[in-house]
C-alpha atoms as a PDB file:
ATOM      1  CA  MET A   1     -23.118 -19.051 206.896  1.00  0.00           C
ATOM      2  CA  LEU A   2     -24.996 -19.464 203.563  1.00  0.00           C
ATOM      3  CA  LYS A   3     -21.972 -17.988 201.744  1.00  0.00           C
ATOM      4  CA  LEU A   4     -19.368 -20.357 203.340  1.00  0.00           C
ATOM      5  CA  ILE A   5     -21.613 -23.299 202.371  1.00  0.00           C
ATOM      6  CA  LYS A   6     -21.787 -22.043 198.818  1.00  0.00           C
ATOM      7  CA  ARG A   7     -17.944 -21.588 198.674  1.00  0.00           C
ATOM      8  CA  THR A   8     -17.423 -24.978 200.246  1.00  0.00           C
ATOM      9  CA  VAL A   9     -19.736 -26.720 197.597  1.00  0.00           C
ATOM     10  CA  TRP A  10     -17.898 -24.883 194.821  1.00  0.00           C
ATOM     11  CA  LEU A  11     -14.459 -25.805 196.166  1.00  0.00           C
ATOM     12  CA  ILE A  12     -15.450 -29.442 196.346  1.00  0.00           C
ATOM     13  CA  ALA A  13     -16.834 -29.349 192.877  1.00  0.00           C
ATOM     14  CA  ILE A  14     -13.624 -27.970 191.460  1.00  0.00           C
ATOM     15  CA  ILE A  15     -11.617 -30.467 193.325  1.00  0.00           C
ATOM     16  CA  VAL A  16     -13.810 -33.169 191.826  1.00  0.00           C
ATOM     17  CA  ILE A  17     -13.436 -31.827 188.381  1.00  0.00           C
ATOM     18  CA  VAL A  18      -9.714 -31.533 188.680  1.00  0.00           C
ATOM     19  CA  ILE A  19      -9.386 -35.238 189.960  1.00  0.00           C
ATOM     20  CA  ILE A  20     -11.502 -36.406 187.008  1.00  0.00           C
ATOM     21  CA  ALA A  21      -9.880 -34.205 184.254  1.00  0.00           C
ATOM     22  CA  LEU A  22      -6.224 -34.522 185.330  1.00  0.00           C
ATOM     23  CA  PRO A  23      -5.772 -38.255 184.194  1.00  0.00           C
ATOM     24  CA  LEU A  24      -7.455 -37.469 180.782  1.00  0.00           C
ATOM     25  CA  PHE A  25      -5.101 -34.409 180.485  1.00  0.00           C
ATOM     26  CA  VAL A  26      -2.037 -36.500 181.309  1.00  0.00           C
ATOM     27  CA  GLY A  27      -3.154 -39.093 178.614  1.00  0.00           C
ATOM     28  CA  TRP A  28      -3.746 -36.324 176.096  1.00  0.00           C
ATOM     29  CA  TYR A  29      -0.372 -34.614 176.888  1.00  0.00           C
ATOM     30  CA  LEU A  30       1.761 -37.772 176.541  1.00  0.00           C
ATOM     31  CA  SER A  31       0.203 -38.842 173.177  1.00  0.00           C
ATOM     32  CA  PRO A  32       0.042 -35.873 170.817  1.00  0.00           C
ATOM     33  CA  GLN A  33      -1.594 -36.931 167.451  1.00  0.00           C
ATOM     34  CA  ASP A  34      -1.657 -34.913 164.249  1.00  0.00           C
ATOM     35  CA  THR A  35      -3.741 -34.918 161.170  1.00  0.00           C
ATOM     36  CA  ILE A  36      -2.023 -37.218 158.700  1.00  0.00           C
ATOM     37  CA  GLU A  37      -0.409 -35.527 155.777  1.00  0.00           C
ATOM     38  CA  LYS A  38       2.387 -36.463 153.377  1.00  0.00           C
ATOM     39  CA  ALA A  39       5.932 -36.217 154.434  1.00  0.00           C
ATOM     40  CA  ASP A  40       9.478 -36.962 153.288  1.00  0.00           C
ATOM     41  CA  VAL A  41      10.088 -40.016 155.580  1.00  0.00           C
ATOM     42  CA  ILE A  42       8.526 -42.168 158.169  1.00  0.00           C
ATOM     43  CA  VAL A  43      10.744 -42.524 161.331  1.00  0.00           C
ATOM     44  CA  THR A  44       9.935 -45.435 163.492  1.00  0.00           C
ATOM     45  CA  VAL A  45      11.965 -45.978 166.819  1.00  0.00           C
ATOM     46  CA  SER A  46      12.357 -49.456 168.474  1.00  0.00           C
ATOM     47  CA  GLY A  47      11.025 -50.411 171.908  1.00  0.00           C
ATOM     48  CA  GLY A  48       7.752 -51.011 173.577  1.00  0.00           C
ATOM     49  CA  ASP A  49       5.338 -52.916 171.454  1.00  0.00           C
ATOM     50  CA  THR A  50       7.609 -53.053 168.392  1.00  0.00           C
ATOM     51  CA  ASN A  51       5.351 -55.206 166.273  1.00  0.00           C
ATOM     52  CA  ALA A  52       2.535 -52.552 166.627  1.00  0.00           C
ATOM     53  CA  ARG A  53       5.016 -49.877 165.525  1.00  0.00           C
ATOM     54  CA  ILE A  54       5.996 -51.826 162.547  1.00  0.00           C
ATOM     55  CA  GLU A  55       2.478 -52.499 161.557  1.00  0.00           C
ATOM     56  CA  LYS A  56       1.632 -48.703 161.883  1.00  0.00           C
ATOM     57  CA  THR A  57       4.729 -47.835 159.739  1.00  0.00           C
ATOM     58  CA  VAL A  58       3.777 -50.329 157.076  1.00  0.00           C
ATOM     59  CA  GLU A  59       0.238 -49.153 156.938  1.00  0.00           C
ATOM     60  CA  LEU A  60       1.293 -45.488 156.679  1.00  0.00           C
ATOM     61  CA  TYR A  61       3.869 -46.367 153.970  1.00  0.00           C
ATOM     62  CA  ASN A  62       1.328 -48.512 151.917  1.00  0.00           C
ATOM     63  CA  GLU A  63      -1.125 -45.651 152.091  1.00  0.00           C
ATOM     64  CA  GLY A  64       1.477 -43.338 150.434  1.00  0.00           C
ATOM     65  CA  TRP A  65       2.113 -40.932 153.164  1.00  0.00           C
ATOM     66  CA  ALA A  66       5.813 -41.126 152.667  1.00  0.00           C
ATOM     67  CA  PRO A  67       8.223 -42.817 150.164  1.00  0.00           C
ATOM     68  CA  VAL A  68      11.037 -43.627 152.703  1.00  0.00           C
ATOM     69  CA  ILE A  69      11.165 -45.441 156.119  1.00  0.00           C
ATOM     70  CA  ILE A  70      13.866 -45.083 158.675  1.00  0.00           C
ATOM     71  CA  PHE A  71      13.956 -47.701 161.568  1.00  0.00           C
ATOM     72  CA  SER A  72      15.980 -46.706 164.663  1.00  0.00           C
ATOM     73  CA  GLY A  73      17.500 -48.847 167.302  1.00  0.00           C
ATOM     74  CA  ALA A  74      20.578 -50.739 168.377  1.00  0.00           C
ATOM     75  CA  ALA A  75      20.546 -54.429 169.270  1.00  0.00           C
ATOM     76  CA  ALA A  76      18.784 -55.168 172.581  1.00  0.00           C
ATOM     77  CA  GLU A  77      20.495 -58.650 172.496  1.00  0.00           C
ATOM     78  CA  GLY A  78      22.125 -60.867 169.905  1.00  0.00           C
ATOM     79  CA  ASP A  79      23.841 -59.861 166.709  1.00  0.00           C
ATOM     80  CA  ILE A  80      21.003 -58.131 164.855  1.00  0.00           C
ATOM     81  CA  SER A  81      20.060 -54.692 165.679  1.00  0.00           C
ATOM     82  CA  ASN A  82      16.459 -53.631 166.571  1.00  0.00           C
ATOM     83  CA  ALA A  83      16.462 -51.598 163.360  1.00  0.00           C
ATOM     84  CA  GLU A  84      17.609 -54.391 161.215  1.00  0.00           C
ATOM     85  CA  ALA A  85      15.082 -56.736 162.804  1.00  0.00           C
ATOM     86  CA  MET A  86      12.280 -54.174 162.106  1.00  0.00           C
ATOM     87  CA  ARG A  87      13.427 -53.798 158.468  1.00  0.00           C
ATOM     88  CA  ASN A  88      13.462 -57.644 158.006  1.00  0.00           C
ATOM     89  CA  ILE A  89       9.829 -57.959 159.295  1.00  0.00           C
ATOM     90  CA  ALA A  90       8.645 -55.025 156.999  1.00  0.00           C
ATOM     91  CA  VAL A  91      10.421 -56.572 154.139  1.00  0.00           C
ATOM     92  CA  LYS A  92       8.554 -59.932 154.700  1.00  0.00           C
ATOM     93  CA  ILE A  93       5.221 -57.971 154.885  1.00  0.00           C
ATOM     94  CA  GLY A  94       6.027 -56.614 151.459  1.00  0.00           C
ATOM     95  CA  ILE A  95       7.939 -53.274 151.745  1.00  0.00           C
ATOM     96  CA  SER A  96      10.811 -52.861 149.335  1.00  0.00           C
ATOM     97  CA  LYS A  97      14.099 -53.120 151.196  1.00  0.00           C
ATOM     98  CA  SER A  98      15.393 -50.165 148.938  1.00  0.00           C
ATOM     99  CA  SER A  99      12.755 -47.947 150.603  1.00  0.00           C
ATOM    100  CA  ILE A 100      14.154 -48.626 154.187  1.00  0.00           C
ATOM    101  CA  LEU A 101      16.995 -47.007 155.925  1.00  0.00           C
ATOM    102  CA  ILE A 102      18.209 -48.135 159.372  1.00  0.00           C
ATOM    103  CA  GLU A 103      20.032 -46.405 162.169  1.00  0.00           C
ATOM    104  CA  GLU A 104      21.692 -49.136 164.413  1.00  0.00           C
ATOM    105  CA  GLU A 105      23.788 -47.295 167.102  1.00  0.00           C
ATOM    106  CA  SER A 106      21.064 -45.765 169.339  1.00  0.00           C
ATOM    107  CA  THR A 107      20.583 -47.363 172.730  1.00  0.00           C
ATOM    108  CA  ASP A 108      17.926 -44.985 174.045  1.00  0.00           C
ATOM    109  CA  THR A 109      15.270 -42.388 172.995  1.00  0.00           C
ATOM    110  CA  ALA A 110      17.747 -39.418 173.097  1.00  0.00           C
ATOM    111  CA  GLU A 111      20.148 -41.375 170.860  1.00  0.00           C
ATOM    112  CA  ASN A 112      17.320 -42.414 168.460  1.00  0.00           C
ATOM    113  CA  ALA A 113      16.651 -38.702 167.925  1.00  0.00           C
ATOM    114  CA  GLU A 114      20.343 -37.787 167.730  1.00  0.00           C
ATOM    115  CA  TYR A 115      21.639 -40.384 165.286  1.00  0.00           C
ATOM    116  CA  THR A 116      18.312 -40.521 163.154  1.00  0.00           C
ATOM    117  CA  SER A 117      18.487 -36.694 162.915  1.00  0.00           C
ATOM    118  CA  GLU A 118      21.949 -36.930 161.340  1.00  0.00           C
ATOM    119  CA  ILE A 119      20.398 -39.068 158.590  1.00  0.00           C
ATOM    120  CA  ILE A 120      17.717 -36.851 158.017  1.00  0.00           C
ATOM    121  CA  LYS A 121      19.908 -33.796 157.669  1.00  0.00           C
ATOM    122  CA  GLU A 122      22.252 -35.705 155.401  1.00  0.00           C
ATOM    123  CA  LYS A 123      19.339 -36.768 153.083  1.00  0.00           C
ATOM    124  CA  GLY A 124      17.812 -33.174 153.197  1.00  0.00           C
ATOM    125  CA  TYR A 125      14.405 -34.267 154.510  1.00  0.00           C
ATOM    126  CA  GLN A 126      12.240 -31.409 155.481  1.00  0.00           C
ATOM    127  CA  SER A 127       9.428 -33.358 157.167  1.00  0.00           C
ATOM    128  CA  MET A 128       8.685 -36.676 158.899  1.00  0.00           C
ATOM    129  CA  ILE A 129       5.923 -38.918 160.229  1.00  0.00           C
ATOM    130  CA  LEU A 130       6.989 -39.993 163.730  1.00  0.00           C
ATOM    131  CA  VAL A 131       5.802 -43.481 164.885  1.00  0.00           C
ATOM    132  CA  THR A 132       6.113 -44.827 168.288  1.00  0.00           C
ATOM    133  CA  SER A 133       3.975 -45.956 171.174  1.00  0.00           C
ATOM    134  CA  PRO A 134       1.425 -43.416 172.348  1.00  0.00           C
ATOM    135  CA  TYR A 135       2.833 -42.967 175.762  1.00  0.00           C
ATOM    136  CA  HIS A 136       6.219 -42.354 174.291  1.00  0.00           C
ATOM    137  CA  GLN A 137       5.129 -39.949 171.591  1.00  0.00           C
ATOM    138  CA  ARG A 138       5.654 -36.546 173.262  1.00  0.00           C
ATOM    139  CA  ARG A 139       8.935 -37.159 174.689  1.00  0.00           C
ATOM    140  CA  THR A 140      10.288 -38.678 171.333  1.00  0.00           C
ATOM    141  CA  MET A 141       8.932 -35.677 169.513  1.00  0.00           C
ATOM    142  CA  GLU A 142      10.538 -33.088 171.729  1.00  0.00           C
ATOM    143  CA  LEU A 143      13.901 -34.861 171.497  1.00  0.00           C
ATOM    144  CA  PHE A 144      13.654 -34.796 167.760  1.00  0.00           C
ATOM    145  CA  ARG A 145      12.907 -31.205 167.844  1.00  0.00           C
ATOM    146  CA  ASP A 146      15.962 -30.563 169.901  1.00  0.00           C
ATOM    147  CA  TYR A 147      18.090 -31.768 166.993  1.00  0.00           C
ATOM    148  CA  LEU A 148      15.955 -30.802 164.003  1.00  0.00           C
ATOM    149  CA  GLY A 149      14.696 -27.415 165.153  1.00  0.00           C
ATOM    150  CA  LYS A 150      11.358 -25.882 165.519  1.00  0.00           C
ATOM    151  CA  ASP A 151      10.779 -25.255 161.773  1.00  0.00           C
ATOM    152  CA  PHE A 152      11.112 -29.073 160.958  1.00  0.00           C
ATOM    153  CA  LYS A 153       7.790 -30.553 160.280  1.00  0.00           C
ATOM    154  CA  ILE A 154       7.019 -33.556 162.635  1.00  0.00           C
ATOM    155  CA  ILE A 155       3.711 -35.299 162.255  1.00  0.00           C
ATOM    156  CA  ASN A 156       2.702 -37.472 165.198  1.00  0.00           C
ATOM    157  CA  GLN A 157       1.163 -40.802 164.478  1.00  0.00           C
ATOM    158  CA  SER A 158       1.155 -43.419 167.277  1.00  0.00           C
ATOM    159  CA  ALA A 159       0.857 -47.070 166.926  1.00  0.00           C
ATOM    160  CA  LEU A 160      -1.776 -48.824 169.011  1.00  0.00           C
ATOM    161  CA  ASP A 161      -0.341 -50.268 172.307  1.00  0.00           C
ATOM    162  CA  GLU A 162      -1.848 -53.203 174.226  1.00  0.00           C
ATOM    163  CA  GLU A 163      -0.618 -52.059 177.549  1.00  0.00           C
ATOM    164  CA  TRP A 164      -1.595 -48.280 177.418  1.00  0.00           C
ATOM    165  CA  ARG A 165      -4.595 -46.261 176.501  1.00  0.00           C
ATOM    166  CA  LYS A 166      -4.907 -42.454 176.426  1.00  0.00           C
ATOM    167  CA  LYS A 167      -8.406 -42.627 178.216  1.00  0.00           C
ATOM    168  CA  GLY A 168      -7.667 -45.401 180.648  1.00  0.00           C
ATOM    169  CA  TRP A 169      -3.992 -45.550 181.388  1.00  0.00           C
ATOM    170  CA  TRP A 170      -4.659 -45.403 185.178  1.00  0.00           C
ATOM    171  CA  GLN A 171      -6.668 -48.557 185.274  1.00  0.00           C
ATOM    172  CA  THR A 172      -3.733 -50.979 185.013  1.00  0.00           C
ATOM    173  CA  ASN A 173      -0.437 -51.202 186.855  1.00  0.00           C
ATOM    174  CA  VAL A 174       1.494 -51.337 183.667  1.00  0.00           C
ATOM    175  CA  GLY A 175      -0.436 -48.303 182.329  1.00  0.00           C
ATOM    176  CA  ARG A 176       0.382 -46.277 185.559  1.00  0.00           C
ATOM    177  CA  PHE A 177       4.086 -47.487 185.518  1.00  0.00           C
ATOM    178  CA  LEU A 178       4.538 -46.325 181.910  1.00  0.00           C
ATOM    179  CA  THR A 179       2.696 -42.934 182.421  1.00  0.00           C
ATOM    180  CA  VAL A 180       4.785 -42.053 185.672  1.00  0.00           C
ATOM    181  CA  GLY A 181       7.886 -43.141 183.981  1.00  0.00           C
ATOM    182  CA  GLU A 182       7.439 -40.940 180.903  1.00  0.00           C
ATOM    183  CA  LEU A 183       6.356 -37.964 182.926  1.00  0.00           C
ATOM    184  CA  GLY A 184       9.550 -38.364 185.114  1.00  0.00           C
ATOM    185  CA  LYS A 185      11.569 -38.514 181.928  1.00  0.00           C
ATOM    186  CA  ILE A 186      10.131 -35.395 180.370  1.00  0.00           C
ATOM    187  CA  PHE A 187      10.651 -33.631 183.627  1.00  0.00           C
ATOM    188  CA  VAL A 188      14.319 -34.534 183.741  1.00  0.00           C
ATOM    189  CA  ASN A 189      14.860 -33.561 180.004  1.00  0.00           C
ATOM    190  CA  PHE A 190      13.165 -30.217 180.631  1.00  0.00           C
ATOM    191  CA  PHE A 191      15.356 -29.239 183.546  1.00  0.00           C
ATOM    192  CA  SER A 192      18.419 -30.534 181.600  1.00  0.00           C
ATOM    193  CA  ASP A 193      17.554 -28.165 178.806  1.00  0.00           C
ATOM    194  CA  GLN A 194      17.146 -25.350 181.187  1.00  0.00           C
ATOM    195  CA  ILE A 195      20.369 -25.956 182.855  1.00  0.00           C
ATOM    196  CA  GLU A 196      22.240 -26.057 179.454  1.00  0.00           C
ATOM    197  CA  GLU A 197      20.668 -22.814 178.491  1.00  0.00           C
ATOM    198  CA  VAL A 198      21.885 -21.168 181.670  1.00  0.00           C
ATOM    199  CA  GLU A 199      25.270 -22.445 181.092  1.00  0.00           C
ATOM    200  CA  ILE A 200      25.373 -21.172 177.424  1.00  0.00           C
ATOM    201  CA  ARG A 201      24.469 -17.673 178.700  1.00  0.00           C
END
């Protein structure tokens, strides 16, 4: 009887630890962050809190971590692409227009990665600092890796996001919505990759 009680207590303790740790793990998983180091280019994709992404990009550029910026994103509405709008804001802040490249065709994250990777390859860049919202960081990184290969250096540096926090995403409806959405998209991308590998074989 005593052994059963001990086992039950241990089981309850493990369940409690998992319940507490799982949300923290999910936040850490979605938002990988790297030690900052110099790279050939800063790549910033549009979407989410775009102003925060621009601010982070400008901060990294002004600190000298990379000499070139690529803004990526087609027009959400109107005649000006997201990429051009981001460039215009950065120029107003003080970044030289000659230091900014834009990719204006992509309409989703997969296309951000595909079309921007074409520019990266064309320019011969070997490393990049990737800027996006924290909940969006892992999926964006993995999509870029699909196009650039495992040997290409990607340094993850998320912008701050008012709607999502790594250590408290579960506390708001928006945080939960963004997190579940990203996990679902990562799941779909993973199985799509597995199916493609099987078809190639």
